[in-house]
C-alpha cells in the first residue's frame, strides 16, 4: 500500500486517541500536527517499492485462479 506504519510504545491508545481528538475539538490544540508530539513510535516500518508490482501481479493471478 506504500504507507509508513508507526507502532507506538504504548499500544493501548484508544483512550489517548479519544482524549487527543477531544482536545482538538475544543481548541486546546491547534491542529493534528500539534498532537503528533504527544506520541512516540517504538517501531517504524517504511514501505518498500522493490518488487511490489511483481507481487501484485502474482496476487491478481491467484485471485483469478480462485475465481475459476
C-alpha atoms as a PDB file:
ATOM      1  CA  UNK A   1       0.000   0.000   0.000  1.00  0.00           C
ATOM      2  CA  UNK A   2       3.014   2.300   0.265  1.00  0.00           C
ATOM      3  CA  UNK A   3       2.071   3.565   3.731  1.00  0.00           C
ATOM      4  CA  UNK A   4       4.527   4.185   6.557  1.00  0.00           C
ATOM      5  CA  UNK A   5       3.428   2.397   9.743  1.00  0.00           C
ATOM      6  CA  UNK A   6       4.374   3.560  13.232  1.00  0.00           C
ATOM      7  CA  UNK A   7       3.665   1.387  16.254  1.00  0.00           C
ATOM      8  CA  UNK A   8       3.589   3.437  19.460  1.00  0.00           C
ATOM      9  CA  UNK A   9       5.379   2.410  22.650  1.00  0.00           C
ATOM     10  CA  UNK A  10       2.012   2.353  24.413  1.00  0.00           C
ATOM     11  CA  UNK A  11      -0.176   0.045  22.323  1.00  0.00           C
ATOM     12  CA  UNK A  12      -3.309   0.780  24.400  1.00  0.00           C
ATOM     13  CA  UNK A  13      -4.055   4.030  22.623  1.00  0.00           C
ATOM     14  CA  UNK A  14      -7.849   4.079  22.369  1.00  0.00           C
ATOM     15  CA  UNK A  15      -8.389   6.366  25.374  1.00  0.00           C
ATOM     16  CA  UNK A  16      -5.411   8.532  24.444  1.00  0.00           C
ATOM     17  CA  UNK A  17      -6.719   8.937  20.899  1.00  0.00           C
ATOM     18  CA  UNK A  18     -10.170   9.902  22.150  1.00  0.00           C
ATOM     19  CA  UNK A  19      -8.654  12.463  24.521  1.00  0.00           C
ATOM     20  CA  UNK A  20      -6.460  13.901  21.772  1.00  0.00           C
ATOM     21  CA  UNK A  21      -9.389  14.280  19.390  1.00  0.00           C
ATOM     22  CA  UNK A  22     -11.453  15.883  22.160  1.00  0.00           C
ATOM     23  CA  UNK A  23      -8.624  18.360  22.817  1.00  0.00           C
ATOM     24  CA  UNK A  24      -8.539  19.142  19.126  1.00  0.00           C
ATOM     25  CA  UNK A  25     -12.315  19.522  19.012  1.00  0.00           C
ATOM     26  CA  UNK A  26     -12.484  22.050  21.849  1.00  0.00           C
ATOM     27  CA  UNK A  27      -9.475  24.002  20.603  1.00  0.00           C
ATOM     28  CA  UNK A  28      -6.873  23.039  23.224  1.00  0.00           C
ATOM     29  CA  UNK A  29      -4.508  22.134  20.386  1.00  0.00           C
ATOM     30  CA  UNK A  30      -4.433  23.969  17.061  1.00  0.00           C
ATOM     31  CA  UNK A  31      -4.182  21.029  14.634  1.00  0.00           C
ATOM     32  CA  UNK A  32      -3.288  17.364  14.125  1.00  0.00           C
ATOM     33  CA  UNK A  33       0.406  18.211  13.771  1.00  0.00           C
ATOM     34  CA  UNK A  34       0.425  19.510  17.339  1.00  0.00           C
ATOM     35  CA  UNK A  35      -0.927  16.151  18.542  1.00  0.00           C
ATOM     36  CA  UNK A  36       1.934  14.239  16.940  1.00  0.00           C
ATOM     37  CA  UNK A  37       4.331  15.496  19.611  1.00  0.00           C
ATOM     38  CA  UNK A  38       2.378  13.508  22.242  1.00  0.00           C
ATOM     39  CA  UNK A  39       3.079  10.181  20.586  1.00  0.00           C
ATOM     40  CA  UNK A  40       6.359   8.259  20.491  1.00  0.00           C
ATOM     41  CA  UNK A  41       6.926   5.497  17.953  1.00  0.00           C
ATOM     42  CA  UNK A  42       8.503   2.260  19.158  1.00  0.00           C
ATOM     43  CA  UNK A  43       8.688   0.575  15.743  1.00  0.00           C
ATOM     44  CA  UNK A  44       8.589   2.271  12.340  1.00  0.00           C
ATOM     45  CA  UNK A  45       8.100   0.263   9.149  1.00  0.00           C
ATOM     46  CA  UNK A  46       8.838   2.066   5.894  1.00  0.00           C
ATOM     47  CA  UNK A  47       7.234   0.887   2.647  1.00  0.00           C
ATOM     48  CA  UNK A  48       9.474  -0.841   0.136  1.00  0.00           C
ATOM     49  CA  UNK A  49       8.941  -0.311  -3.546  1.00  0.00           C
ATOM     50  CA  UNK A  50      11.202  -3.094  -4.812  1.00  0.00           C
ATOM     51  CA  UNK A  51       9.216  -5.988  -6.251  1.00  0.00           C
ATOM     52  CA  UNK A  52       5.809  -4.630  -5.292  1.00  0.00           C
ATOM     53  CA  UNK A  53       4.426  -4.852  -8.826  1.00  0.00           C
ATOM     54  CA  UNK A  54       5.627  -8.442  -9.244  1.00  0.00           C
ATOM     55  CA  UNK A  55       3.874  -9.419  -6.002  1.00  0.00           C
ATOM     56  CA  UNK A  56       0.730  -7.564  -7.021  1.00  0.00           C
ATOM     57  CA  UNK A  57       0.629  -9.334 -10.379  1.00  0.00           C
ATOM     58  CA  UNK A  58       1.090 -12.701  -8.647  1.00  0.00           C
ATOM     59  CA  UNK A  59      -1.759 -11.848  -6.291  1.00  0.00           C
ATOM     60  CA  UNK A  60      -4.003 -10.905  -9.232  1.00  0.00           C
ATOM     61  CA  UNK A  61      -3.237 -14.244 -10.935  1.00  0.00           C
ATOM     62  CA  UNK A  62      -4.006 -16.136  -7.716  1.00  0.00           C
ATOM     63  CA  UNK A  63      -7.333 -14.317  -7.324  1.00  0.00           C
ATOM     64  CA  UNK A  64      -8.221 -15.085 -10.954  1.00  0.00           C
ATOM     65  CA  UNK A  65      -7.450 -18.797 -10.405  1.00  0.00           C
ATOM     66  CA  UNK A  66      -9.517 -18.849  -7.220  1.00  0.00           C
ATOM     67  CA  UNK A  67     -12.479 -17.396  -9.070  1.00  0.00           C
ATOM     68  CA  UNK A  68     -12.299 -20.240 -11.527  1.00  0.00           C
END
